Amino acid sequence: MYIIVGFWVLCGILGYLIGQPKGRGDEGAVSGLLLGPLGLLFILTAKDKRPRCPHCQQSVDPQAWICPHCQSQITEPPNAVCTFCHKGFHVTDAALGHAVRCPHCKKLTQARKPELPGPRTAAGAH
């Protein structure tokens, strides 16, 4: 009995490890645990869930605004930062300095300019 349970747990761990580079780690773990080897096959054939750079078509971190592969700018860097969760977001210039709702934590915060040391890449390096 322990061998069977250990096998299904191993399938869940392998599913997570296979799905993680595709942005599907949780789905891989669940499908591995529930479906065993069929779940591993499912996650092996699943498409990458992460967004792609419009310039080089490589997968990038959803939070990145500079592609780590071709160094092209993907999106504009955020012009405001939440005082609670410290995540960046976009607001109009007129909204800077006023109360706005953070799109990440949903709290009412004062939109202030972020202190950005440099462009952020998908690896999180500054």
C-alpha atoms as a PDB file:
ATOM      1  CA  MET A   1       0.000   0.000   0.000  1.00  0.00           C
ATOM      2  CA  TYR A   2       2.820   2.414   0.858  1.00  0.00           C
ATOM      3  CA  ILE A   3       4.432   1.766  -2.523  1.00  0.00           C
ATOM      4  CA  ILE A   4       1.262   2.767  -4.363  1.00  0.00           C
ATOM      5  CA  VAL A   5       0.795   5.944  -2.296  1.00  0.00           C
ATOM      6  CA  GLY A   6       4.480   6.791  -2.718  1.00  0.00           C
ATOM      7  CA  PHE A   7       4.177   6.331  -6.488  1.00  0.00           C
ATOM      8  CA  TRP A   8       1.216   8.770  -6.688  1.00  0.00           C
ATOM      9  CA  VAL A   9       3.034  11.314  -4.503  1.00  0.00           C
ATOM     10  CA  LEU A  10       6.101  10.958  -6.735  1.00  0.00           C
ATOM     11  CA  CYS A  11       3.876  11.604  -9.782  1.00  0.00           C
ATOM     12  CA  GLY A  12       2.606  14.763  -8.091  1.00  0.00           C
ATOM     13  CA  ILE A  13       6.144  15.987  -7.397  1.00  0.00           C
ATOM     14  CA  LEU A  14       7.268  15.178 -10.932  1.00  0.00           C
ATOM     15  CA  GLY A  15       4.171  16.912 -12.331  1.00  0.00           C
ATOM     16  CA  TYR A  16       5.065  20.048 -10.381  1.00  0.00           C
ATOM     17  CA  LEU A  17       8.683  19.966 -11.556  1.00  0.00           C
ATOM     18  CA  ILE A  18       7.654  19.438 -15.190  1.00  0.00           C
ATOM     19  CA  GLY A  19       4.954  22.131 -15.093  1.00  0.00           C
ATOM     20  CA  GLN A  20       6.931  24.805 -13.220  1.00  0.00           C
ATOM     21  CA  PRO A  21       9.018  26.031 -16.209  1.00  0.00           C
ATOM     22  CA  LYS A  22       5.785  26.334 -18.211  1.00  0.00           C
ATOM     23  CA  GLY A  23       4.032  28.398 -15.536  1.00  0.00           C
ATOM     24  CA  ARG A  24       1.853  25.396 -14.686  1.00  0.00           C
ATOM     25  CA  GLY A  25       3.492  24.006 -11.534  1.00  0.00           C
ATOM     26  CA  ASP A  26       0.291  23.777  -9.486  1.00  0.00           C
ATOM     27  CA  GLU A  27      -1.641  22.200 -12.360  1.00  0.00           C
ATOM     28  CA  GLY A  28       1.164  19.688 -12.828  1.00  0.00           C
ATOM     29  CA  ALA A  29       1.169  18.708  -9.168  1.00  0.00           C
ATOM     30  CA  VAL A  30      -2.591  18.252  -9.039  1.00  0.00           C
ATOM     31  CA  SER A  31      -2.775  16.315 -12.300  1.00  0.00           C
ATOM     32  CA  GLY A  32       0.147  14.125 -11.206  1.00  0.00           C
ATOM     33  CA  LEU A  33      -1.495  13.387  -7.865  1.00  0.00           C
ATOM     34  CA  LEU A  34      -4.944  12.720  -9.294  1.00  0.00           C
ATOM     35  CA  LEU A  35      -4.086  11.016 -12.580  1.00  0.00           C
ATOM     36  CA  GLY A  36      -0.622   9.572 -11.936  1.00  0.00           C
ATOM     37  CA  PRO A  37       1.273   8.800 -15.145  1.00  0.00           C
ATOM     38  CA  LEU A  38      -1.597  10.166 -17.271  1.00  0.00           C
ATOM     39  CA  GLY A  39      -1.279  13.468 -15.408  1.00  0.00           C
ATOM     40  CA  LEU A  40       2.429  13.554 -16.223  1.00  0.00           C
ATOM     41  CA  LEU A  41       1.611  12.976 -19.885  1.00  0.00           C
ATOM     42  CA  PHE A  42      -0.961  15.766 -19.723  1.00  0.00           C
ATOM     43  CA  ILE A  43       1.472  18.281 -18.240  1.00  0.00           C
ATOM     44  CA  LEU A  44       4.240  17.243 -20.656  1.00  0.00           C
ATOM     45  CA  THR A  45       2.001  18.105 -23.607  1.00  0.00           C
ATOM     46  CA  ALA A  46       0.500  21.278 -22.063  1.00  0.00           C
ATOM     47  CA  LYS A  47       1.351  24.613 -23.655  1.00  0.00           C
ATOM     48  CA  ASP A  48       3.421  27.262 -21.913  1.00  0.00           C
ATOM     49  CA  LYS A  49       1.130  29.595 -19.968  1.00  0.00           C
ATOM     50  CA  ARG A  50       3.580  32.487 -19.635  1.00  0.00           C
ATOM     51  CA  PRO A  51       3.341  35.512 -21.965  1.00  0.00           C
ATOM     52  CA  ARG A  52       5.693  35.831 -24.927  1.00  0.00           C
ATOM     53  CA  CYS A  53       7.938  38.719 -25.910  1.00  0.00           C
ATOM     54  CA  PRO A  54       6.489  40.444 -29.002  1.00  0.00           C
ATOM     55  CA  HIS A  55      10.005  40.813 -30.432  1.00  0.00           C
ATOM     56  CA  CYS A  56      11.740  37.437 -29.979  1.00  0.00           C
ATOM     57  CA  GLN A  57       8.709  35.253 -29.056  1.00  0.00           C
ATOM     58  CA  GLN A  58      10.457  33.772 -26.002  1.00  0.00           C
ATOM     59  CA  SER A  59       8.481  33.126 -22.808  1.00  0.00           C
ATOM     60  CA  VAL A  60       8.924  35.827 -20.167  1.00  0.00           C
ATOM     61  CA  ASP A  61       7.833  36.489 -16.607  1.00  0.00           C
ATOM     62  CA  PRO A  62       4.442  38.267 -16.542  1.00  0.00           C
ATOM     63  CA  GLN A  63       5.926  40.964 -14.264  1.00  0.00           C
ATOM     64  CA  ALA A  64       8.869  41.769 -16.575  1.00  0.00           C
ATOM     65  CA  TRP A  65       8.934  44.922 -18.676  1.00  0.00           C
ATOM     66  CA  ILE A  66      12.324  44.172 -20.286  1.00  0.00           C
ATOM     67  CA  CYS A  67      12.803  40.851 -22.129  1.00  0.00           C
ATOM     68  CA  PRO A  68      15.751  38.914 -20.631  1.00  0.00           C
ATOM     69  CA  HIS A  69      16.463  37.295 -24.011  1.00  0.00           C
ATOM     70  CA  CYS A  70      16.537  40.200 -26.494  1.00  0.00           C
ATOM     71  CA  GLN A  71      16.600  43.121 -23.984  1.00  0.00           C
ATOM     72  CA  SER A  72      13.629  44.792 -25.737  1.00  0.00           C
ATOM     73  CA  GLN A  73      11.098  46.767 -23.743  1.00  0.00           C
ATOM     74  CA  ILE A  74       7.911  44.706 -23.441  1.00  0.00           C
ATOM     75  CA  THR A  75       5.719  47.163 -21.517  1.00  0.00           C
ATOM     76  CA  GLU A  76       6.094  50.547 -19.906  1.00  0.00           C
ATOM     77  CA  PRO A  77       7.459  50.368 -16.368  1.00  0.00           C
ATOM     78  CA  PRO A  78       4.880  51.140 -13.679  1.00  0.00           C
ATOM     79  CA  ASN A  79       4.513  54.825 -12.818  1.00  0.00           C
ATOM     80  CA  ALA A  80       2.986  54.248  -9.357  1.00  0.00           C
ATOM     81  CA  VAL A  81       3.602  51.935  -6.436  1.00  0.00           C
ATOM     82  CA  CYS A  82       1.234  50.750  -3.696  1.00  0.00           C
ATOM     83  CA  THR A  83       2.108  51.838  -0.155  1.00  0.00           C
ATOM     84  CA  PHE A  84       0.785  48.506   1.217  1.00  0.00           C
ATOM     85  CA  CYS A  85       1.964  45.695  -1.076  1.00  0.00           C
ATOM     86  CA  HIS A  86       4.769  47.729  -2.750  1.00  0.00           C
ATOM     87  CA  LYS A  87       3.861  46.429  -6.220  1.00  0.00           C
ATOM     88  CA  GLY A  88       3.957  48.710  -9.225  1.00  0.00           C
ATOM     89  CA  PHE A  89       0.983  49.606 -11.432  1.00  0.00           C
ATOM     90  CA  HIS A  90      -0.062  52.168 -14.034  1.00  0.00           C
ATOM     91  CA  VAL A  91      -2.158  55.284 -13.358  1.00  0.00           C
ATOM     92  CA  THR A  92      -2.740  58.486 -15.268  1.00  0.00           C
ATOM     93  CA  ASP A  93      -0.449  61.395 -14.439  1.00  0.00           C
ATOM     94  CA  ALA A  94      -3.429  63.243 -12.943  1.00  0.00           C
ATOM     95  CA  ALA A  95      -3.982  60.386 -10.451  1.00  0.00           C
ATOM     96  CA  LEU A  96      -0.437  60.540  -9.042  1.00  0.00           C
ATOM     97  CA  GLY A  97      -0.523  61.789  -5.461  1.00  0.00           C
ATOM     98  CA  HIS A  98      -4.222  60.922  -5.058  1.00  0.00           C
ATOM     99  CA  ALA A  99      -6.054  57.952  -3.572  1.00  0.00           C
ATOM    100  CA  VAL A 100      -6.468  55.039  -5.987  1.00  0.00           C
ATOM    101  CA  ARG A 101      -7.297  51.355  -5.582  1.00  0.00           C
ATOM    102  CA  CYS A 102      -4.299  49.045  -5.986  1.00  0.00           C
ATOM    103  CA  PRO A 103      -4.974  46.415  -8.679  1.00  0.00           C
ATOM    104  CA  HIS A 104      -2.936  43.838  -6.732  1.00  0.00           C
ATOM    105  CA  CYS A 105      -4.030  44.044  -3.080  1.00  0.00           C
ATOM    106  CA  LYS A 106      -7.291  45.982  -3.745  1.00  0.00           C
ATOM    107  CA  LYS A 107      -6.566  48.456  -0.928  1.00  0.00           C
ATOM    108  CA  LEU A 108      -7.069  52.189  -1.262  1.00  0.00           C
ATOM    109  CA  THR A 109      -3.596  53.727  -1.458  1.00  0.00           C
ATOM    110  CA  GLN A 110      -1.947  56.978  -2.412  1.00  0.00           C
ATOM    111  CA  ALA A 111      -0.416  56.612  -5.878  1.00  0.00           C
ATOM    112  CA  ARG A 112       3.203  57.676  -5.553  1.00  0.00           C
ATOM    113  CA  LYS A 113       6.060  57.456  -8.008  1.00  0.00           C
ATOM    114  CA  PRO A 114       8.189  54.347  -7.571  1.00  0.00           C
ATOM    115  CA  GLU A 115      11.869  54.528  -6.811  1.00  0.00           C
ATOM    116  CA  LEU A 116      13.145  52.368  -9.654  1.00  0.00           C
ATOM    117  CA  PRO A 117      16.885  51.658  -9.688  1.00  0.00           C
ATOM    118  CA  GLY A 118      16.744  50.400 -13.285  1.00  0.00           C
ATOM    119  CA  PRO A 119      14.799  48.211 -15.694  1.00  0.00           C
ATOM    120  CA  ARG A 120      13.503  44.924 -14.365  1.00  0.00           C
ATOM    121  CA  THR A 121      14.110  41.751 -16.328  1.00  0.00           C
ATOM    122  CA  ALA A 122      12.185  38.501 -16.124  1.00  0.00           C
ATOM    123  CA  ALA A 123      14.813  37.142 -13.743  1.00  0.00           C
ATOM    124  CA  GLY A 124      14.007  40.005 -11.339  1.00  0.00           C
ATOM    125  CA  ALA A 125      17.454  41.572 -11.644  1.00  0.00           C
ATOM    126  CA  HIS A 126      17.706  45.344 -11.539  1.00  0.00           C
END
